[in-house]
Amino acid sequence: MQFLTFLIATLVSNLKVSNSVSYAFVLFSAVVELFLTSPALIAYLYMDGTPTWVSYFIMIMSLYPPFNYTKVFVDISSKSGYHWDL
């Protein structure tokens, strides 16, 4: 995530705009991660019989590193026998 922010900052012409864009990206990622930390939501996304847009959403979100990180912890907790209420 930091490398992507640094890349965005180097592509922008001046320092003030690059700081604003980088902070906006970090804020956006924090908000997205806040919504994706729900284990029940992650479990719902991987249930059988979900709509086709869910598979596209998973494909796009698999490029976002915190999504995979959250998925790992949901998998570990589901293997331990804890079931999330949907």
C-alpha atoms as a PDB file:
ATOM      1  CA  MET A   1       0.000   0.000   0.000  1.00  0.00           C
ATOM      2  CA  GLN A   2       2.834   2.379   0.775  1.00  0.00           C
ATOM      3  CA  PHE A   3       4.531   1.677  -2.533  1.00  0.00           C
ATOM      4  CA  LEU A   4       1.320   2.428  -4.394  1.00  0.00           C
ATOM      5  CA  THR A   5       0.992   5.682  -2.486  1.00  0.00           C
ATOM      6  CA  PHE A   6       4.594   6.579  -3.328  1.00  0.00           C
ATOM      7  CA  LEU A   7       3.925   5.809  -6.997  1.00  0.00           C
ATOM      8  CA  ILE A   8       0.895   8.086  -7.007  1.00  0.00           C
ATOM      9  CA  ALA A   9       2.898  10.803  -5.281  1.00  0.00           C
ATOM     10  CA  THR A  10       5.670  10.665  -7.898  1.00  0.00           C
ATOM     11  CA  LEU A  11       3.250  10.804 -10.821  1.00  0.00           C
ATOM     12  CA  VAL A  12       1.703  14.077  -9.640  1.00  0.00           C
ATOM     13  CA  SER A  13       3.433  17.326 -10.551  1.00  0.00           C
ATOM     14  CA  ASN A  14       3.777  19.255  -7.281  1.00  0.00           C
ATOM     15  CA  LEU A  15       4.164  18.426  -3.609  1.00  0.00           C
ATOM     16  CA  LYS A  16       0.863  19.840  -2.358  1.00  0.00           C
ATOM     17  CA  VAL A  17      -1.219  17.870  -4.836  1.00  0.00           C
ATOM     18  CA  SER A  18       0.792  14.689  -4.281  1.00  0.00           C
ATOM     19  CA  ASN A  19       0.243  14.948  -0.520  1.00  0.00           C
ATOM     20  CA  SER A  20      -3.480  15.440  -1.043  1.00  0.00           C
ATOM     21  CA  VAL A  21      -3.752  12.520  -3.453  1.00  0.00           C
ATOM     22  CA  SER A  22      -1.715  10.237  -1.193  1.00  0.00           C
ATOM     23  CA  TYR A  23      -3.757  11.112   1.887  1.00  0.00           C
ATOM     24  CA  ALA A  24      -6.978  10.623  -0.072  1.00  0.00           C
ATOM     25  CA  PHE A  25      -5.806   7.193  -1.174  1.00  0.00           C
ATOM     26  CA  VAL A  26      -4.901   6.189   2.371  1.00  0.00           C
ATOM     27  CA  LEU A  27      -8.232   7.500   3.681  1.00  0.00           C
ATOM     28  CA  PHE A  28     -10.109   5.633   0.965  1.00  0.00           C
ATOM     29  CA  SER A  29      -8.280   2.401   1.785  1.00  0.00           C
ATOM     30  CA  ALA A  30      -9.018   2.834   5.500  1.00  0.00           C
ATOM     31  CA  VAL A  31     -12.736   3.270   4.801  1.00  0.00           C
ATOM     32  CA  VAL A  32     -12.809   0.254   2.483  1.00  0.00           C
ATOM     33  CA  GLU A  33     -10.994  -1.835   5.073  1.00  0.00           C
ATOM     34  CA  LEU A  34     -13.479  -0.727   7.731  1.00  0.00           C
ATOM     35  CA  PHE A  35     -16.312  -2.193   5.657  1.00  0.00           C
ATOM     36  CA  LEU A  36     -14.406  -5.342   4.712  1.00  0.00           C
ATOM     37  CA  THR A  37     -13.359  -6.318   8.234  1.00  0.00           C
ATOM     38  CA  SER A  38     -16.730  -7.901   8.885  1.00  0.00           C
ATOM     39  CA  PRO A  39     -16.185 -11.674   8.908  1.00  0.00           C
ATOM     40  CA  ALA A  40     -19.861 -12.203   8.156  1.00  0.00           C
ATOM     41  CA  LEU A  41     -19.525 -10.141   4.966  1.00  0.00           C
ATOM     42  CA  ILE A  42     -16.451 -12.079   3.859  1.00  0.00           C
ATOM     43  CA  ALA A  43     -18.228 -15.380   4.576  1.00  0.00           C
ATOM     44  CA  TYR A  44     -21.257 -14.174   2.593  1.00  0.00           C
ATOM     45  CA  LEU A  45     -19.084 -13.271  -0.396  1.00  0.00           C
ATOM     46  CA  TYR A  46     -17.747 -16.818  -0.609  1.00  0.00           C
ATOM     47  CA  MET A  47     -21.065 -18.643  -0.097  1.00  0.00           C
ATOM     48  CA  ASP A  48     -22.504 -20.794  -2.873  1.00  0.00           C
ATOM     49  CA  GLY A  49     -25.263 -19.229  -4.944  1.00  0.00           C
ATOM     50  CA  THR A  50     -24.116 -15.608  -4.789  1.00  0.00           C
ATOM     51  CA  PRO A  51     -24.858 -13.353  -7.786  1.00  0.00           C
ATOM     52  CA  THR A  52     -22.323 -13.009 -10.588  1.00  0.00           C
ATOM     53  CA  TRP A  53     -21.381  -9.455  -9.607  1.00  0.00           C
ATOM     54  CA  VAL A  54     -19.954 -10.877  -6.393  1.00  0.00           C
ATOM     55  CA  SER A  55     -17.377 -12.877  -8.345  1.00  0.00           C
ATOM     56  CA  TYR A  56     -16.329  -9.701 -10.173  1.00  0.00           C
ATOM     57  CA  PHE A  57     -16.137  -7.851  -6.873  1.00  0.00           C
ATOM     58  CA  ILE A  58     -13.926 -10.577  -5.394  1.00  0.00           C
ATOM     59  CA  MET A  59     -11.706 -10.492  -8.478  1.00  0.00           C
ATOM     60  CA  ILE A  60     -11.211  -6.724  -8.152  1.00  0.00           C
ATOM     61  CA  MET A  61     -10.767  -6.824  -4.386  1.00  0.00           C
ATOM     62  CA  SER A  62      -8.183  -9.606  -4.624  1.00  0.00           C
ATOM     63  CA  LEU A  63      -5.850  -6.930  -6.006  1.00  0.00           C
ATOM     64  CA  TYR A  64      -6.312  -4.962  -2.771  1.00  0.00           C
ATOM     65  CA  PRO A  65      -3.856  -6.423  -0.186  1.00  0.00           C
ATOM     66  CA  PRO A  66      -5.906  -5.784   3.011  1.00  0.00           C
ATOM     67  CA  PHE A  67      -8.793  -7.788   1.526  1.00  0.00           C
ATOM     68  CA  ASN A  68      -6.587 -10.872   1.279  1.00  0.00           C
ATOM     69  CA  TYR A  69      -5.263 -10.223   4.785  1.00  0.00           C
ATOM     70  CA  THR A  70      -8.800 -10.130   6.182  1.00  0.00           C
ATOM     71  CA  LYS A  71      -9.727 -13.257   4.222  1.00  0.00           C
ATOM     72  CA  VAL A  72      -6.853 -15.160   5.849  1.00  0.00           C
ATOM     73  CA  PHE A  73      -8.145 -14.415   9.350  1.00  0.00           C
ATOM     74  CA  VAL A  74     -11.700 -15.360   8.401  1.00  0.00           C
ATOM     75  CA  ASP A  75     -10.418 -18.676   7.020  1.00  0.00           C
ATOM     76  CA  ILE A  76      -8.430 -19.366  10.176  1.00  0.00           C
ATOM     77  CA  SER A  77     -11.382 -18.612  12.437  1.00  0.00           C
ATOM     78  CA  SER A  78     -13.736 -20.750  10.334  1.00  0.00           C
ATOM     79  CA  LYS A  79     -11.311 -23.696  10.493  1.00  0.00           C
ATOM     80  CA  SER A  80     -11.161 -23.328  14.266  1.00  0.00           C
ATOM     81  CA  GLY A  81     -14.872 -24.096  14.480  1.00  0.00           C
ATOM     82  CA  TYR A  82     -16.254 -20.606  15.041  1.00  0.00           C
ATOM     83  CA  HIS A  83     -19.244 -19.833  12.805  1.00  0.00           C
ATOM     84  CA  TRP A  84     -20.200 -16.266  12.039  1.00  0.00           C
ATOM     85  CA  ASP A  85     -23.852 -15.263  12.246  1.00  0.00           C
ATOM     86  CA  LEU A  86     -25.109 -14.136   8.861  1.00  0.00           C
END
